[in-house]
Amino acid sequence: MKHIKDNYNFSISLRCIVCGRDDCFESNEDKSYIKCTNCGKEYFGGREELIEYNNEQIQESIDQKKKEITSDVKKEIHDMIKKAFAGNKNIKIK
């Protein structure tokens, strides 16, 4: 299986809804409160609130990853079928 990767791990950086930065957060230990140190925006709902605000970006990343995986699987299946019928003069796989 040359097209299929060992894993499809990816990460998504959560962004502040005010300033757009993803590297300026401070939080309490359990992340139930988060503050952007760049603009001062406070997320009293913590990590869950930040995830909710970033839902569109998260969904776009998931959709992009789905497309990548689907493409890799299609290529792999095509190559497997082509290899299985290699040498057969009655069946041609393009």
N, C-alpha and C. Protein backbone atom coordinates (compact mmCIF):
# COMPACT_ATOMS: atom_id res chain seq x y z
N MET A 1 0.85 -1.18 0.00
CA MET A 1 0.00 0.00 0.00
C MET A 1 0.89 1.24 0.00
N LYS A 2 1.16 1.75 -1.15
CA LYS A 2 2.09 2.88 -1.22
C LYS A 2 1.42 4.24 -1.05
N HIS A 3 0.11 4.34 -1.28
CA HIS A 3 -0.57 5.63 -1.14
C HIS A 3 -1.06 5.90 0.28
N ILE A 4 -1.36 4.83 1.00
CA ILE A 4 -1.92 4.98 2.35
C ILE A 4 -0.79 5.31 3.32
N LYS A 5 -0.98 6.36 4.07
CA LYS A 5 0.01 6.77 5.07
C LYS A 5 -0.13 5.91 6.32
N ASP A 6 0.90 5.94 7.15
CA ASP A 6 0.83 5.21 8.42
C ASP A 6 -0.21 5.82 9.35
N ASN A 7 -0.35 7.13 9.28
CA ASN A 7 -1.37 7.79 10.09
C ASN A 7 -1.77 9.10 9.41
N TYR A 8 -2.88 9.60 9.81
CA TYR A 8 -3.39 10.86 9.27
C TYR A 8 -3.62 11.85 10.41
N ASN A 9 -2.73 11.84 11.37
CA ASN A 9 -2.85 12.77 12.49
C ASN A 9 -2.71 14.21 12.01
N PHE A 10 -3.45 15.09 12.63
CA PHE A 10 -3.30 16.51 12.35
C PHE A 10 -3.78 17.29 13.56
N SER A 11 -3.36 18.51 13.63
CA SER A 11 -3.80 19.35 14.75
C SER A 11 -4.36 20.66 14.19
N ILE A 12 -5.20 21.26 14.96
CA ILE A 12 -5.83 22.52 14.58
C ILE A 12 -5.54 23.52 15.69
N SER A 13 -5.01 24.66 15.31
CA SER A 13 -4.75 25.71 16.29
C SER A 13 -6.00 26.54 16.48
N LEU A 14 -6.43 26.65 17.71
CA LEU A 14 -7.59 27.49 18.01
C LEU A 14 -7.17 28.95 17.99
N ARG A 15 -8.00 29.78 17.40
CA ARG A 15 -7.67 31.20 17.25
C ARG A 15 -8.60 32.07 18.08
N CYS A 16 -8.07 33.17 18.54
CA CYS A 16 -8.87 34.16 19.25
C CYS A 16 -9.86 34.77 18.26
N ILE A 17 -11.11 34.92 18.69
CA ILE A 17 -12.12 35.47 17.77
C ILE A 17 -11.97 36.97 17.58
N VAL A 18 -11.21 37.63 18.43
CA VAL A 18 -11.03 39.07 18.32
C VAL A 18 -9.81 39.40 17.46
N CYS A 19 -8.64 38.87 17.83
CA CYS A 19 -7.41 39.26 17.14
C CYS A 19 -6.88 38.20 16.17
N GLY A 20 -7.42 36.99 16.24
CA GLY A 20 -7.01 35.94 15.30
C GLY A 20 -5.74 35.21 15.66
N ARG A 21 -5.12 35.59 16.74
CA ARG A 21 -3.86 34.93 17.14
C ARG A 21 -4.14 33.54 17.71
N ASP A 22 -3.18 32.64 17.54
CA ASP A 22 -3.33 31.30 18.09
C ASP A 22 -2.23 30.94 19.07
N ASP A 23 -1.41 31.92 19.41
CA ASP A 23 -0.24 31.65 20.25
C ASP A 23 -0.17 32.52 21.50
N CYS A 24 -1.25 33.13 21.88
CA CYS A 24 -1.23 34.09 23.01
C CYS A 24 -2.25 33.75 24.08
N PHE A 25 -2.43 32.49 24.38
CA PHE A 25 -3.43 32.11 25.37
C PHE A 25 -2.79 31.74 26.69
N GLU A 26 -3.47 32.14 27.75
CA GLU A 26 -3.13 31.64 29.08
C GLU A 26 -4.41 31.09 29.67
N SER A 27 -4.28 30.09 30.53
CA SER A 27 -5.49 29.48 31.08
C SER A 27 -5.22 28.96 32.49
N ASN A 28 -6.32 28.65 33.17
CA ASN A 28 -6.17 27.97 34.45
C ASN A 28 -5.84 26.51 34.16
N GLU A 29 -5.59 25.74 35.20
CA GLU A 29 -5.10 24.38 35.04
C GLU A 29 -6.04 23.48 34.25
N ASP A 30 -7.34 23.57 34.49
CA ASP A 30 -8.29 22.69 33.80
C ASP A 30 -8.87 23.31 32.53
N LYS A 31 -8.33 24.46 32.12
CA LYS A 31 -8.74 25.16 30.89
C LYS A 31 -10.22 25.55 30.88
N SER A 32 -10.78 25.77 32.06
CA SER A 32 -12.17 26.24 32.13
C SER A 32 -12.25 27.75 32.00
N TYR A 33 -11.10 28.40 31.98
CA TYR A 33 -11.00 29.84 31.75
C TYR A 33 -9.76 30.06 30.89
N ILE A 34 -9.92 30.80 29.81
CA ILE A 34 -8.81 31.11 28.91
C ILE A 34 -8.84 32.60 28.61
N LYS A 35 -7.67 33.19 28.50
CA LYS A 35 -7.55 34.61 28.16
C LYS A 35 -6.51 34.76 27.06
N CYS A 36 -6.84 35.60 26.07
CA CYS A 36 -5.88 35.95 25.03
C CYS A 36 -5.01 37.07 25.59
N THR A 37 -3.74 36.83 25.69
CA THR A 37 -2.84 37.84 26.25
C THR A 37 -2.52 38.93 25.24
N ASN A 38 -2.86 38.72 23.98
CA ASN A 38 -2.62 39.74 22.96
C ASN A 38 -3.66 40.85 23.02
N CYS A 39 -4.95 40.47 23.04
CA CYS A 39 -6.02 41.47 22.98
C CYS A 39 -6.83 41.58 24.28
N GLY A 40 -6.64 40.62 25.18
CA GLY A 40 -7.35 40.66 26.45
C GLY A 40 -8.70 39.96 26.46
N LYS A 41 -9.12 39.39 25.33
CA LYS A 41 -10.41 38.68 25.28
C LYS A 41 -10.39 37.52 26.27
N GLU A 42 -11.45 37.44 27.06
CA GLU A 42 -11.57 36.38 28.04
C GLU A 42 -12.65 35.39 27.61
N TYR A 43 -12.35 34.13 27.75
CA TYR A 43 -13.28 33.06 27.42
C TYR A 43 -13.66 32.38 28.73
N PHE A 44 -14.79 32.82 29.29
CA PHE A 44 -15.22 32.29 30.57
C PHE A 44 -15.74 30.86 30.46
N GLY A 45 -16.04 30.44 29.24
CA GLY A 45 -16.42 29.05 28.99
C GLY A 45 -15.21 28.18 28.71
N GLY A 46 -14.04 28.77 28.76
CA GLY A 46 -12.80 28.04 28.61
C GLY A 46 -12.60 27.42 27.24
N ARG A 47 -11.96 26.28 27.26
CA ARG A 47 -11.60 25.58 26.03
C ARG A 47 -12.83 25.27 25.18
N GLU A 48 -13.91 24.86 25.81
CA GLU A 48 -15.14 24.52 25.07
C GLU A 48 -15.68 25.72 24.31
N GLU A 49 -15.64 26.90 24.92
CA GLU A 49 -16.10 28.12 24.24
C GLU A 49 -15.21 28.43 23.05
N LEU A 50 -13.91 28.31 23.24
CA LEU A 50 -12.97 28.58 22.16
C LEU A 50 -13.16 27.59 21.00
N ILE A 51 -13.41 26.34 21.32
CA ILE A 51 -13.69 25.33 20.29
C ILE A 51 -14.96 25.69 19.53
N GLU A 52 -15.98 26.11 20.25
CA GLU A 52 -17.25 26.49 19.61
C GLU A 52 -17.04 27.64 18.62
N TYR A 53 -16.27 28.65 19.03
CA TYR A 53 -16.00 29.79 18.15
C TYR A 53 -15.17 29.39 16.93
N ASN A 54 -14.37 28.35 17.05
CA ASN A 54 -13.50 27.90 15.97
C ASN A 54 -14.11 26.74 15.19
N ASN A 55 -15.38 26.47 15.40
CA ASN A 55 -16.03 25.31 14.80
C ASN A 55 -15.91 25.28 13.27
N GLU A 56 -16.08 26.40 12.62
CA GLU A 56 -16.00 26.45 11.16
C GLU A 56 -14.61 26.04 10.67
N GLN A 57 -13.58 26.59 11.29
CA GLN A 57 -12.20 26.25 10.93
C GLN A 57 -11.92 24.77 11.19
N ILE A 58 -12.43 24.26 12.30
CA ILE A 58 -12.25 22.85 12.64
C ILE A 58 -12.91 21.98 11.58
N GLN A 59 -14.14 22.31 11.20
CA GLN A 59 -14.86 21.52 10.20
C GLN A 59 -14.16 21.56 8.85
N GLU A 60 -13.63 22.72 8.45
CA GLU A 60 -12.90 22.82 7.19
C GLU A 60 -11.67 21.92 7.20
N SER A 61 -10.96 21.87 8.31
CA SER A 61 -9.77 21.02 8.43
C SER A 61 -10.15 19.55 8.35
N ILE A 62 -11.25 19.18 8.99
CA ILE A 62 -11.72 17.80 8.95
C ILE A 62 -12.12 17.42 7.52
N ASP A 63 -12.84 18.31 6.84
CA ASP A 63 -13.26 18.04 5.47
C ASP A 63 -12.06 17.89 4.54
N GLN A 64 -11.04 18.70 4.72
CA GLN A 64 -9.83 18.62 3.91
C GLN A 64 -9.13 17.28 4.15
N LYS A 65 -9.06 16.86 5.40
CA LYS A 65 -8.42 15.59 5.73
C LYS A 65 -9.22 14.42 5.15
N LYS A 66 -10.55 14.50 5.17
CA LYS A 66 -11.39 13.46 4.58
C LYS A 66 -11.09 13.33 3.09
N LYS A 67 -10.96 14.46 2.40
CA LYS A 67 -10.66 14.43 0.96
C LYS A 67 -9.32 13.76 0.71
N GLU A 68 -8.33 14.07 1.52
CA GLU A 68 -7.00 13.48 1.36
C GLU A 68 -7.06 11.96 1.55
N ILE A 69 -7.75 11.52 2.59
CA ILE A 69 -7.85 10.09 2.87
C ILE A 69 -8.62 9.38 1.76
N THR A 70 -9.73 9.98 1.31
CA THR A 70 -10.52 9.40 0.24
C THR A 70 -9.69 9.25 -1.04
N SER A 71 -8.93 10.28 -1.37
CA SER A 71 -8.08 10.24 -2.56
C SER A 71 -7.04 9.13 -2.45
N ASP A 72 -6.41 9.01 -1.29
CA ASP A 72 -5.40 7.98 -1.09
C ASP A 72 -6.00 6.59 -1.19
N VAL A 73 -7.19 6.39 -0.62
CA VAL A 73 -7.84 5.08 -0.67
C VAL A 73 -8.23 4.73 -2.11
N LYS A 74 -8.76 5.71 -2.86
CA LYS A 74 -9.12 5.46 -4.26
C LYS A 74 -7.89 5.05 -5.07
N LYS A 75 -6.78 5.76 -4.87
CA LYS A 75 -5.55 5.41 -5.59
C LYS A 75 -5.09 4.01 -5.24
N GLU A 76 -5.14 3.68 -3.96
CA GLU A 76 -4.70 2.37 -3.51
C GLU A 76 -5.57 1.26 -4.08
N ILE A 77 -6.88 1.44 -4.06
CA ILE A 77 -7.79 0.43 -4.62
C ILE A 77 -7.55 0.28 -6.12
N HIS A 78 -7.40 1.38 -6.82
CA HIS A 78 -7.14 1.34 -8.26
C HIS A 78 -5.87 0.55 -8.55
N ASP A 79 -4.81 0.83 -7.81
CA ASP A 79 -3.54 0.12 -8.02
C ASP A 79 -3.66 -1.37 -7.71
N MET A 80 -4.44 -1.70 -6.67
CA MET A 80 -4.62 -3.11 -6.30
C MET A 80 -5.38 -3.86 -7.40
N ILE A 81 -6.43 -3.22 -7.94
CA ILE A 81 -7.21 -3.85 -9.01
C ILE A 81 -6.35 -3.99 -10.27
N LYS A 82 -5.61 -2.95 -10.58
CA LYS A 82 -4.75 -2.98 -11.76
C LYS A 82 -3.72 -4.11 -11.65
N LYS A 83 -3.14 -4.26 -10.48
CA LYS A 83 -2.15 -5.30 -10.24
C LYS A 83 -2.79 -6.69 -10.31
N ALA A 84 -4.01 -6.82 -9.76
CA ALA A 84 -4.70 -8.10 -9.75
C ALA A 84 -5.00 -8.61 -11.16
N PHE A 85 -5.27 -7.68 -12.07
CA PHE A 85 -5.62 -8.06 -13.44
C PHE A 85 -4.47 -7.85 -14.42
N ALA A 86 -3.30 -7.57 -13.92
CA ALA A 86 -2.14 -7.40 -14.81
C ALA A 86 -1.91 -8.69 -15.59
N GLY A 87 -1.67 -8.56 -16.86
CA GLY A 87 -1.41 -9.72 -17.69
C GLY A 87 -2.67 -10.32 -18.31
N ASN A 88 -3.83 -9.91 -17.85
CA ASN A 88 -5.08 -10.40 -18.41
C ASN A 88 -5.39 -9.58 -19.66
N LYS A 89 -5.44 -10.25 -20.80
CA LYS A 89 -5.62 -9.54 -22.07
C LYS A 89 -7.06 -9.10 -22.31
N ASN A 90 -8.01 -9.66 -21.56
CA ASN A 90 -9.42 -9.35 -21.77
C ASN A 90 -9.90 -8.18 -20.90
N ILE A 91 -9.14 -7.84 -19.86
CA ILE A 91 -9.54 -6.77 -18.97
C ILE A 91 -8.47 -5.70 -18.95
N LYS A 92 -8.88 -4.49 -19.22
CA LYS A 92 -7.94 -3.35 -19.21
C LYS A 92 -8.37 -2.37 -18.13
N ILE A 93 -7.48 -1.99 -17.27
CA ILE A 93 -7.73 -1.01 -16.21
C ILE A 93 -6.94 0.24 -16.55
N LYS A 94 -7.63 1.35 -16.62
CA LYS A 94 -6.97 2.62 -16.96
C LYS A 94 -6.68 3.41 -15.71
